[in-house]
Amino acid sequence: MPVRPIIRLGHPALRTPAEPVDPERLADPEIQSLIDDMLETMLAEGGVGLAAPQLGIGLQLFVYAAVDPDLPAAEQEPELEVLINPAVEPVAGEMVYDWEGCLSIPDLRGLVPRHPQVRVHALDRHGGKIAERAEGYEARIIQHEYDHLNGVVFLDRMRDLRSLAFSDEWEEYMTTEEDEGPAVG
């Protein structure tokens, strides 16, 4: 499973809405290899989410690691998730601001409002139906990656660019122990 290069902001694939994956193609070795490569790439780069458009591939597919941001990464075995052709619906609730980063926008972080809970309908890597409710950090990851499938990056969601900071400066001047954690995706 090779680690693939992640494209960066400015590449047109990050601003182009992705196409649905034909469910008949899920068993194709090409799709299964892509999923394996995406998981390997995400973990190798220290992210908790990665969408196919971040590899320059315009398919509605993303992977993520369901982790507890309050625990050190070394103490966790992340639950790796694959969502294909997802539909994400917010659950009523006040938006929550938290810090996000992105593997396609390296070294920058900013405060981003997100829904605290979402409902997700998708296919898994074998075509099985997923219907779940996610909350907290997992809901944030899902929304961030879902945005990538629609040509949206976290900078587009920020309401005040004054919170935008390079990662080193963010860690030195703006973070608290509660804020430390991996970039979203």
N, C-alpha and C. Protein backbone atom coordinates (compact mmCIF):
# COMPACT_ATOMS: atom_id res chain seq x y z
N MET A 1 0.85 -1.18 0.00
CA MET A 1 0.00 0.00 0.00
C MET A 1 0.89 1.24 0.00
N PRO A 2 0.99 1.91 -1.12
CA PRO A 2 1.86 3.10 -1.15
C PRO A 2 1.18 4.33 -0.54
N VAL A 3 2.04 5.17 0.01
CA VAL A 3 1.59 6.48 0.45
C VAL A 3 1.54 7.37 -0.78
N ARG A 4 0.39 7.96 -1.02
CA ARG A 4 0.23 8.80 -2.22
C ARG A 4 0.46 10.27 -1.88
N PRO A 5 0.87 11.05 -2.87
CA PRO A 5 1.06 12.49 -2.62
C PRO A 5 -0.29 13.18 -2.42
N ILE A 6 -0.33 14.08 -1.46
CA ILE A 6 -1.52 14.88 -1.18
C ILE A 6 -1.38 16.20 -1.91
N ILE A 7 -2.40 16.56 -2.68
CA ILE A 7 -2.34 17.83 -3.39
C ILE A 7 -2.63 18.98 -2.42
N ARG A 8 -2.18 20.16 -2.80
CA ARG A 8 -2.34 21.32 -1.93
C ARG A 8 -3.28 22.35 -2.54
N LEU A 9 -3.73 23.25 -1.68
CA LEU A 9 -4.63 24.32 -2.09
C LEU A 9 -4.06 25.04 -3.31
N GLY A 10 -4.88 25.23 -4.30
CA GLY A 10 -4.47 25.80 -5.58
C GLY A 10 -4.67 24.78 -6.69
N HIS A 11 -4.59 23.50 -6.36
CA HIS A 11 -4.86 22.45 -7.34
C HIS A 11 -6.37 22.45 -7.61
N PRO A 12 -6.79 22.44 -8.86
CA PRO A 12 -8.23 22.54 -9.17
C PRO A 12 -9.07 21.40 -8.62
N ALA A 13 -8.49 20.24 -8.35
CA ALA A 13 -9.28 19.13 -7.81
C ALA A 13 -9.87 19.43 -6.44
N LEU A 14 -9.23 20.33 -5.69
CA LEU A 14 -9.75 20.68 -4.36
C LEU A 14 -10.98 21.58 -4.45
N ARG A 15 -11.22 22.17 -5.60
CA ARG A 15 -12.35 23.08 -5.76
C ARG A 15 -13.41 22.52 -6.71
N THR A 16 -13.28 21.26 -7.09
CA THR A 16 -14.20 20.62 -8.02
C THR A 16 -15.04 19.59 -7.28
N PRO A 17 -16.37 19.70 -7.34
CA PRO A 17 -17.21 18.69 -6.68
C PRO A 17 -16.93 17.30 -7.24
N ALA A 18 -16.88 16.33 -6.35
CA ALA A 18 -16.57 14.94 -6.72
C ALA A 18 -17.81 14.23 -7.25
N GLU A 19 -17.57 13.21 -8.04
CA GLU A 19 -18.64 12.40 -8.62
C GLU A 19 -18.92 11.18 -7.74
N PRO A 20 -20.17 10.72 -7.71
CA PRO A 20 -20.48 9.50 -6.94
C PRO A 20 -19.71 8.30 -7.47
N VAL A 21 -19.41 7.39 -6.58
CA VAL A 21 -18.78 6.12 -6.95
C VAL A 21 -19.90 5.16 -7.35
N ASP A 22 -19.76 4.53 -8.49
CA ASP A 22 -20.74 3.53 -8.92
C ASP A 22 -20.64 2.35 -7.96
N PRO A 23 -21.72 2.02 -7.24
CA PRO A 23 -21.66 0.91 -6.28
C PRO A 23 -21.22 -0.42 -6.92
N GLU A 24 -21.45 -0.56 -8.20
CA GLU A 24 -21.02 -1.79 -8.90
C GLU A 24 -19.50 -1.89 -8.98
N ARG A 25 -18.81 -0.75 -8.81
CA ARG A 25 -17.34 -0.73 -8.91
C ARG A 25 -16.64 -0.95 -7.57
N LEU A 26 -17.40 -1.05 -6.48
CA LEU A 26 -16.76 -1.14 -5.17
C LEU A 26 -15.86 -2.36 -5.02
N ALA A 27 -16.17 -3.45 -5.68
CA ALA A 27 -15.35 -4.65 -5.58
C ALA A 27 -14.12 -4.60 -6.48
N ASP A 28 -14.05 -3.62 -7.38
CA ASP A 28 -12.91 -3.51 -8.28
C ASP A 28 -11.61 -3.35 -7.48
N PRO A 29 -10.57 -4.07 -7.87
CA PRO A 29 -9.29 -3.93 -7.19
C PRO A 29 -8.78 -2.48 -7.17
N GLU A 30 -9.10 -1.73 -8.22
CA GLU A 30 -8.66 -0.32 -8.28
C GLU A 30 -9.27 0.50 -7.14
N ILE A 31 -10.56 0.31 -6.88
CA ILE A 31 -11.23 1.06 -5.80
C ILE A 31 -10.73 0.58 -4.44
N GLN A 32 -10.61 -0.73 -4.26
CA GLN A 32 -10.14 -1.26 -2.98
C GLN A 32 -8.70 -0.83 -2.71
N SER A 33 -7.86 -0.80 -3.73
CA SER A 33 -6.48 -0.31 -3.56
C SER A 33 -6.46 1.16 -3.21
N LEU A 34 -7.33 1.94 -3.85
CA LEU A 34 -7.42 3.36 -3.53
C LEU A 34 -7.78 3.55 -2.06
N ILE A 35 -8.75 2.80 -1.56
CA ILE A 35 -9.16 2.91 -0.15
C ILE A 35 -7.98 2.55 0.76
N ASP A 36 -7.30 1.45 0.47
CA ASP A 36 -6.14 1.06 1.29
C ASP A 36 -5.06 2.13 1.26
N ASP A 37 -4.79 2.67 0.08
CA ASP A 37 -3.77 3.72 -0.06
C ASP A 37 -4.17 4.98 0.70
N MET A 38 -5.46 5.31 0.66
CA MET A 38 -5.93 6.50 1.38
C MET A 38 -5.74 6.33 2.89
N LEU A 39 -6.08 5.17 3.41
CA LEU A 39 -5.89 4.91 4.84
C LEU A 39 -4.41 4.99 5.21
N GLU A 40 -3.57 4.37 4.41
CA GLU A 40 -2.13 4.39 4.66
C GLU A 40 -1.58 5.82 4.59
N THR A 41 -2.01 6.57 3.59
CA THR A 41 -1.55 7.95 3.43
C THR A 41 -1.97 8.81 4.61
N MET A 42 -3.25 8.70 5.01
CA MET A 42 -3.76 9.48 6.14
C MET A 42 -2.93 9.21 7.39
N LEU A 43 -2.70 7.94 7.69
CA LEU A 43 -1.95 7.60 8.89
C LEU A 43 -0.49 8.04 8.80
N ALA A 44 0.11 7.87 7.63
CA ALA A 44 1.51 8.26 7.45
C ALA A 44 1.71 9.77 7.60
N GLU A 45 0.70 10.53 7.19
CA GLU A 45 0.80 12.00 7.26
C GLU A 45 0.32 12.56 8.59
N GLY A 46 -0.15 11.70 9.49
CA GLY A 46 -0.57 12.16 10.81
C GLY A 46 -1.93 12.84 10.81
N GLY A 47 -2.75 12.59 9.81
CA GLY A 47 -4.09 13.17 9.77
C GLY A 47 -5.12 12.25 10.38
N VAL A 48 -6.33 12.75 10.53
CA VAL A 48 -7.43 11.94 11.02
C VAL A 48 -8.53 11.82 9.97
N GLY A 49 -8.29 12.34 8.78
CA GLY A 49 -9.25 12.22 7.69
C GLY A 49 -8.56 12.52 6.38
N LEU A 50 -9.09 11.93 5.30
CA LEU A 50 -8.54 12.18 3.97
C LEU A 50 -9.63 11.87 2.95
N ALA A 51 -9.86 12.81 2.04
CA ALA A 51 -10.86 12.64 0.99
C ALA A 51 -10.15 12.39 -0.34
N ALA A 52 -10.81 11.62 -1.20
CA ALA A 52 -10.23 11.29 -2.50
C ALA A 52 -9.80 12.55 -3.28
N PRO A 53 -10.58 13.65 -3.27
CA PRO A 53 -10.12 14.84 -3.99
C PRO A 53 -8.75 15.36 -3.51
N GLN A 54 -8.37 15.06 -2.27
CA GLN A 54 -7.07 15.49 -1.77
C GLN A 54 -5.92 14.71 -2.43
N LEU A 55 -6.27 13.64 -3.12
CA LEU A 55 -5.29 12.90 -3.91
C LEU A 55 -5.46 13.20 -5.39
N GLY A 56 -6.32 14.17 -5.71
CA GLY A 56 -6.58 14.54 -7.10
C GLY A 56 -7.57 13.61 -7.78
N ILE A 57 -8.32 12.85 -6.99
CA ILE A 57 -9.28 11.88 -7.52
C ILE A 57 -10.69 12.35 -7.20
N GLY A 58 -11.47 12.63 -8.23
CA GLY A 58 -12.78 13.24 -8.07
C GLY A 58 -13.90 12.26 -7.77
N LEU A 59 -13.73 11.46 -6.72
CA LEU A 59 -14.76 10.50 -6.30
C LEU A 59 -15.26 10.85 -4.91
N GLN A 60 -16.55 10.56 -4.66
CA GLN A 60 -17.16 10.81 -3.36
C GLN A 60 -16.79 9.69 -2.40
N LEU A 61 -15.61 9.83 -1.85
CA LEU A 61 -15.06 8.81 -0.97
C LEU A 61 -14.13 9.50 0.01
N PHE A 62 -14.30 9.19 1.30
CA PHE A 62 -13.31 9.64 2.27
C PHE A 62 -13.11 8.62 3.36
N VAL A 63 -11.96 8.71 4.00
CA VAL A 63 -11.62 7.85 5.12
C VAL A 63 -11.33 8.74 6.32
N TYR A 64 -11.52 8.16 7.50
CA TYR A 64 -11.17 8.91 8.70
C TYR A 64 -10.90 7.96 9.84
N ALA A 65 -10.24 8.48 10.86
CA ALA A 65 -9.94 7.72 12.07
C ALA A 65 -10.75 8.31 13.21
N ALA A 66 -11.63 7.50 13.74
CA ALA A 66 -12.43 7.94 14.89
C ALA A 66 -11.54 7.85 16.13
N VAL A 67 -11.08 9.01 16.58
CA VAL A 67 -10.18 9.07 17.73
C VAL A 67 -10.78 9.98 18.80
N ASP A 68 -10.26 9.84 19.99
CA ASP A 68 -10.65 10.70 21.10
C ASP A 68 -9.59 11.80 21.19
N PRO A 69 -9.95 13.05 20.90
CA PRO A 69 -8.94 14.12 20.89
C PRO A 69 -8.39 14.42 22.28
N ASP A 70 -9.03 13.89 23.32
CA ASP A 70 -8.57 14.15 24.68
C ASP A 70 -7.51 13.15 25.15
N LEU A 71 -7.27 12.11 24.34
CA LEU A 71 -6.27 11.11 24.70
C LEU A 71 -5.08 11.20 23.75
N PRO A 72 -3.86 10.95 24.24
CA PRO A 72 -2.69 10.94 23.35
C PRO A 72 -2.86 9.88 22.26
N ALA A 73 -2.44 10.21 21.06
CA ALA A 73 -2.58 9.31 19.91
C ALA A 73 -1.91 7.96 20.17
N ALA A 74 -0.78 7.98 20.88
CA ALA A 74 -0.04 6.74 21.14
C ALA A 74 -0.82 5.78 22.03
N GLU A 75 -1.79 6.29 22.76
CA GLU A 75 -2.57 5.45 23.67
C GLU A 75 -3.85 4.92 23.02
N GLN A 76 -4.06 5.17 21.73
CA GLN A 76 -5.30 4.79 21.08
C GLN A 76 -5.05 3.92 19.86
N GLU A 77 -5.97 3.03 19.62
CA GLU A 77 -6.01 2.30 18.37
C GLU A 77 -7.21 2.87 17.62
N PRO A 78 -6.97 3.77 16.64
CA PRO A 78 -8.11 4.44 15.99
C PRO A 78 -8.98 3.46 15.21
N GLU A 79 -10.27 3.72 15.24
CA GLU A 79 -11.21 2.97 14.43
C GLU A 79 -11.25 3.62 13.06
N LEU A 80 -10.78 2.90 12.04
CA LEU A 80 -10.70 3.45 10.70
C LEU A 80 -12.02 3.26 9.98
N GLU A 81 -12.52 4.34 9.41
CA GLU A 81 -13.83 4.34 8.75
C GLU A 81 -13.66 4.72 7.28
N VAL A 82 -14.53 4.16 6.44
CA VAL A 82 -14.57 4.46 5.01
C VAL A 82 -16.02 4.84 4.69
N LEU A 83 -16.21 6.02 4.10
CA LEU A 83 -17.55 6.48 3.70
C LEU A 83 -17.54 6.77 2.20
N ILE A 84 -18.47 6.13 1.49
CA ILE A 84 -18.58 6.28 0.05
C ILE A 84 -19.96 6.85 -0.27
N ASN A 85 -19.99 7.85 -1.15
CA ASN A 85 -21.22 8.54 -1.54
C ASN A 85 -22.02 9.01 -0.32
N PRO A 86 -21.37 9.70 0.61
CA PRO A 86 -22.06 10.08 1.83
C PRO A 86 -23.07 11.21 1.64
N ALA A 87 -24.08 11.17 2.47
CA ALA A 87 -25.00 12.29 2.65
C ALA A 87 -24.90 12.66 4.12
N VAL A 88 -24.61 13.92 4.40
CA VAL A 88 -24.42 14.38 5.77
C VAL A 88 -25.47 15.43 6.07
N GLU A 89 -26.20 15.22 7.15
CA GLU A 89 -27.29 16.12 7.54
C GLU A 89 -27.04 16.59 8.97
N PRO A 90 -27.01 17.91 9.19
CA PRO A 90 -26.80 18.39 10.56
C PRO A 90 -28.00 18.10 11.45
N VAL A 91 -27.71 17.84 12.71
CA VAL A 91 -28.74 17.70 13.74
C VAL A 91 -28.85 19.07 14.40
N ALA A 92 -30.05 19.47 14.71
CA ALA A 92 -30.26 20.80 15.30
C ALA A 92 -29.35 21.00 16.51
N GLY A 93 -28.81 22.19 16.59
CA GLY A 93 -27.92 22.53 17.69
C GLY A 93 -27.08 23.74 17.31
N GLU A 94 -26.60 24.42 18.32
CA GLU A 94 -25.79 25.60 18.10
C GLU A 94 -24.42 25.21 17.55
N MET A 95 -23.95 25.97 16.59
CA MET A 95 -22.64 25.71 15.99
C MET A 95 -21.56 25.81 17.07
N VAL A 96 -20.53 24.97 16.91
CA VAL A 96 -19.41 24.93 17.84
C VAL A 96 -18.14 25.31 17.08
N TYR A 97 -17.38 26.24 17.64
CA TYR A 97 -16.10 26.64 17.04
C TYR A 97 -14.99 25.79 17.62
N ASP A 98 -14.11 25.33 16.76
CA ASP A 98 -12.92 24.62 17.21
C ASP A 98 -11.85 24.76 16.13
N TRP A 99 -10.62 24.40 16.50
CA TRP A 99 -9.48 24.54 15.61
C TRP A 99 -9.46 23.42 14.60
N GLU A 100 -9.13 23.76 13.36
CA GLU A 100 -8.95 22.77 12.31
C GLU A 100 -7.70 23.09 11.52
N GLY A 101 -7.14 22.04 10.98
CA GLY A 101 -6.06 22.13 10.02
C GLY A 101 -6.42 21.21 8.88
N CYS A 102 -5.56 21.12 7.88
CA CYS A 102 -5.87 20.30 6.72
C CYS A 102 -4.58 19.83 6.07
N LEU A 103 -4.55 18.56 5.68
CA LEU A 103 -3.37 18.02 5.03
C LEU A 103 -3.10 18.69 3.68
N SER A 104 -4.12 19.27 3.06
CA SER A 104 -3.95 19.98 1.78
C SER A 104 -3.61 21.46 1.97
N ILE A 105 -3.66 21.92 3.20
CA ILE A 105 -3.29 23.30 3.53
C ILE A 105 -2.32 23.19 4.71
N PRO A 106 -1.13 22.65 4.45
CA PRO A 106 -0.23 22.34 5.55
C PRO A 106 0.20 23.59 6.32
N ASP A 107 0.40 23.35 7.60
CA ASP A 107 0.97 24.36 8.51
C ASP A 107 0.04 25.52 8.85
N LEU A 108 -1.24 25.45 8.51
CA LEU A 108 -2.19 26.49 8.91
C LEU A 108 -3.31 25.89 9.74
N ARG A 109 -3.78 26.66 10.71
CA ARG A 109 -4.93 26.28 11.53
C ARG A 109 -5.82 27.49 11.71
N GLY A 110 -7.10 27.20 11.92
CA GLY A 110 -8.05 28.29 12.14
C GLY A 110 -9.28 27.79 12.87
N LEU A 111 -10.02 28.74 13.47
CA LEU A 111 -11.27 28.41 14.17
C LEU A 111 -12.39 28.27 13.15
N VAL A 112 -13.07 27.13 13.19
CA VAL A 112 -14.10 26.81 12.21
C VAL A 112 -15.38 26.41 12.94
N PRO A 113 -16.51 27.03 12.56
CA PRO A 113 -17.78 26.60 13.16
C PRO A 113 -18.30 25.34 12.46
N ARG A 114 -18.77 24.39 13.26
CA ARG A 114 -19.34 23.15 12.73
C ARG A 114 -20.55 22.75 13.58
N HIS A 115 -21.38 21.93 13.00
CA HIS A 115 -22.50 21.37 13.75
C HIS A 115 -21.97 20.36 14.75
N PRO A 116 -22.49 20.34 15.98
CA PRO A 116 -21.97 19.41 16.98
C PRO A 116 -22.39 17.96 16.74
N GLN A 117 -23.45 17.76 15.95
CA GLN A 117 -23.92 16.41 15.63
C GLN A 117 -24.39 16.37 14.19
N VAL A 118 -24.17 15.22 13.55
CA VAL A 118 -24.64 15.02 12.18
C VAL A 118 -25.17 13.60 12.03
N ARG A 119 -26.09 13.44 11.08
CA ARG A 119 -26.53 12.12 10.64
C ARG A 119 -25.83 11.83 9.32
N VAL A 120 -25.37 10.60 9.17
CA VAL A 120 -24.63 10.21 7.98
C VAL A 120 -25.26 8.97 7.37
N HIS A 121 -25.45 9.05 6.06
CA HIS A 121 -25.88 7.89 5.28
C HIS A 121 -24.83 7.72 4.19
N ALA A 122 -24.30 6.51 4.07
CA ALA A 122 -23.22 6.26 3.11
C ALA A 122 -23.14 4.76 2.84
N LEU A 123 -22.20 4.41 1.99
CA LEU A 123 -21.85 3.02 1.77
C LEU A 123 -20.48 2.77 2.39
N ASP A 124 -20.26 1.55 2.88
CA ASP A 124 -18.93 1.19 3.34
C ASP A 124 -18.14 0.63 2.15
N ARG A 125 -16.93 0.20 2.38
CA ARG A 125 -16.07 -0.22 1.27
C ARG A 125 -16.58 -1.45 0.55
N HIS A 126 -17.53 -2.19 1.15
CA HIS A 126 -18.08 -3.39 0.52
C HIS A 126 -19.50 -3.17 -0.02
N GLY A 127 -19.99 -1.92 0.07
CA GLY A 127 -21.32 -1.62 -0.44
C GLY A 127 -22.41 -1.72 0.60
N GLY A 128 -22.04 -2.06 1.84
CA GLY A 128 -23.02 -2.10 2.92
C GLY A 128 -23.49 -0.70 3.27
N LYS A 129 -24.73 -0.59 3.69
CA LYS A 129 -25.28 0.72 4.04
C LYS A 129 -24.88 1.13 5.45
N ILE A 130 -24.49 2.39 5.56
CA ILE A 130 -24.15 2.99 6.84
C ILE A 130 -25.20 4.05 7.13
N ALA A 131 -25.76 4.01 8.31
CA ALA A 131 -26.66 5.05 8.79
C ALA A 131 -26.30 5.25 10.25
N GLU A 132 -25.66 6.40 10.54
CA GLU A 132 -25.22 6.62 11.91
C GLU A 132 -25.32 8.09 12.28
N ARG A 133 -25.20 8.31 13.54
CA ARG A 133 -25.18 9.67 14.07
C ARG A 133 -23.81 9.86 14.71
N ALA A 134 -23.17 10.95 14.38
CA ALA A 134 -21.85 11.24 14.94
C ALA A 134 -21.92 12.57 15.69
N GLU A 135 -21.10 12.69 16.70
CA GLU A 135 -21.08 13.94 17.46
C GLU A 135 -19.67 14.31 17.84
N GLY A 136 -19.52 15.54 18.30
CA GLY A 136 -18.23 16.02 18.78
C GLY A 136 -17.16 16.01 17.70
N TYR A 137 -15.99 15.54 18.07
CA TYR A 137 -14.84 15.56 17.17
C TYR A 137 -15.08 14.72 15.92
N GLU A 138 -15.74 13.56 16.08
CA GLU A 138 -16.04 12.72 14.92
C GLU A 138 -16.95 13.46 13.94
N ALA A 139 -17.95 14.18 14.45
CA ALA A 139 -18.84 14.96 13.58
C ALA A 139 -18.05 16.04 12.85
N ARG A 140 -17.09 16.65 13.52
CA ARG A 140 -16.25 17.68 12.89
C ARG A 140 -15.42 17.08 11.75
N ILE A 141 -14.83 15.93 12.00
CA ILE A 141 -14.02 15.28 10.96
C ILE A 141 -14.89 14.97 9.74
N ILE A 142 -16.06 14.40 9.99
CA ILE A 142 -16.96 14.03 8.90
C ILE A 142 -17.34 15.25 8.07
N GLN A 143 -17.68 16.36 8.73
CA GLN A 143 -18.06 17.57 8.00
C GLN A 143 -16.90 18.13 7.20
N HIS A 144 -15.71 18.09 7.78
CA HIS A 144 -14.51 18.59 7.09
C HIS A 144 -14.26 17.78 5.81
N GLU A 145 -14.30 16.45 5.93
CA GLU A 145 -14.04 15.60 4.77
C GLU A 145 -15.17 15.68 3.75
N TYR A 146 -16.40 15.77 4.22
CA TYR A 146 -17.55 15.91 3.33
C TYR A 146 -17.42 17.21 2.51
N ASP A 147 -16.94 18.26 3.16
CA ASP A 147 -16.70 19.52 2.44
C ASP A 147 -15.74 19.30 1.27
N HIS A 148 -14.70 18.51 1.48
CA HIS A 148 -13.75 18.24 0.38
C HIS A 148 -14.45 17.62 -0.83
N LEU A 149 -15.46 16.81 -0.59
CA LEU A 149 -16.19 16.18 -1.70
C LEU A 149 -17.00 17.20 -2.49
N ASN A 150 -17.21 18.38 -1.90
CA ASN A 150 -17.99 19.43 -2.53
C ASN A 150 -17.15 20.63 -2.94
N GLY A 151 -15.83 20.49 -2.94
CA GLY A 151 -14.95 21.57 -3.37
C GLY A 151 -14.79 22.68 -2.35
N VAL A 152 -15.01 22.37 -1.08
CA VAL A 152 -14.95 23.36 0.00
C VAL A 152 -13.80 23.00 0.92
N VAL A 153 -13.03 24.00 1.37
CA VAL A 153 -11.96 23.78 2.34
C VAL A 153 -12.29 24.56 3.62
N PHE A 154 -11.61 24.21 4.70
CA PHE A 154 -11.96 24.81 6.00
C PHE A 154 -11.85 26.32 6.00
N LEU A 155 -10.96 26.88 5.19
CA LEU A 155 -10.84 28.34 5.13
C LEU A 155 -12.15 28.99 4.69
N ASP A 156 -12.90 28.31 3.84
CA ASP A 156 -14.19 28.83 3.36
C ASP A 156 -15.22 28.92 4.49
N ARG A 157 -15.06 28.11 5.50
CA ARG A 157 -16.01 28.05 6.62
C ARG A 157 -15.67 29.02 7.74
N MET A 158 -14.44 29.52 7.74
CA MET A 158 -14.03 30.42 8.82
C MET A 158 -14.81 31.73 8.74
N ARG A 159 -15.23 32.22 9.87
CA ARG A 159 -15.98 33.48 9.91
C ARG A 159 -15.09 34.67 10.24
N ASP A 160 -13.91 34.39 10.78
CA ASP A 160 -12.99 35.46 11.16
C ASP A 160 -11.57 34.97 10.88
N LEU A 161 -10.95 35.51 9.86
CA LEU A 161 -9.61 35.06 9.48
C LEU A 161 -8.53 35.49 10.46
N ARG A 162 -8.88 36.30 11.45
CA ARG A 162 -7.88 36.69 12.45
C ARG A 162 -7.42 35.51 13.29
N SER A 163 -8.20 34.41 13.30
CA SER A 163 -7.76 33.23 14.05
C SER A 163 -6.84 32.34 13.22
N LEU A 164 -6.66 32.64 11.94
CA LEU A 164 -5.80 31.83 11.08
C LEU A 164 -4.34 32.00 11.52
N ALA A 165 -3.65 30.88 11.70
CA ALA A 165 -2.27 30.95 12.18
C ALA A 165 -1.47 29.78 11.62
N PHE A 166 -0.17 29.99 11.48
CA PHE A 166 0.73 28.89 11.17
C PHE A 166 0.79 27.98 12.39
N SER A 167 0.98 26.69 12.15
CA SER A 167 0.93 25.70 13.23
C SER A 167 1.91 25.99 14.36
N ASP A 168 3.15 26.36 14.03
CA ASP A 168 4.13 26.64 15.08
C ASP A 168 3.70 27.81 15.95
N GLU A 169 3.22 28.88 15.34
CA GLU A 169 2.78 30.05 16.09
C GLU A 169 1.50 29.74 16.86
N TRP A 170 0.63 28.93 16.27
CA TRP A 170 -0.60 28.51 16.95
C TRP A 170 -0.25 27.77 18.23
N GLU A 171 0.71 26.83 18.12
CA GLU A 171 1.11 26.07 19.31
C GLU A 171 1.74 26.96 20.37
N GLU A 172 2.55 27.93 19.92
CA GLU A 172 3.26 28.78 20.89
C GLU A 172 2.36 29.83 21.53
N TYR A 173 1.48 30.46 20.76
CA TYR A 173 0.76 31.63 21.25
C TYR A 173 -0.75 31.44 21.46
N MET A 174 -1.35 30.47 20.79
CA MET A 174 -2.81 30.44 20.77
C MET A 174 -3.43 29.19 21.37
N THR A 175 -2.69 28.14 21.53
CA THR A 175 -3.27 26.87 21.96
C THR A 175 -3.26 26.70 23.47
N THR A 176 -4.17 25.86 23.90
CA THR A 176 -4.18 25.39 25.28
C THR A 176 -4.01 23.88 25.21
N GLU A 177 -3.85 23.23 26.34
CA GLU A 177 -3.72 21.78 26.32
C GLU A 177 -4.92 21.11 25.70
N GLU A 178 -6.11 21.68 25.86
CA GLU A 178 -7.32 21.12 25.29
C GLU A 178 -7.33 21.19 23.76
N ASP A 179 -6.62 22.16 23.19
CA ASP A 179 -6.64 22.38 21.75
C ASP A 179 -5.71 21.46 20.98
N GLU A 180 -4.70 20.91 21.63
CA GLU A 180 -3.69 20.15 20.91
C GLU A 180 -4.29 18.88 20.34
N GLY A 181 -3.93 18.59 19.12
CA GLY A 181 -4.43 17.38 18.47
C GLY A 181 -4.05 17.40 17.01
N PRO A 182 -4.36 16.32 16.31
CA PRO A 182 -3.98 16.22 14.90
C PRO A 182 -4.84 17.14 14.02
N ALA A 183 -4.28 17.48 12.88
CA ALA A 183 -5.05 18.23 11.89
C ALA A 183 -6.23 17.37 11.46
N VAL A 184 -7.32 18.01 11.10
CA VAL A 184 -8.52 17.23 10.76
C VAL A 184 -8.31 16.43 9.49
N GLY A 185 -8.00 17.05 8.38
CA GLY A 185 -7.82 16.21 7.19
C GLY A 185 -7.58 16.93 5.94
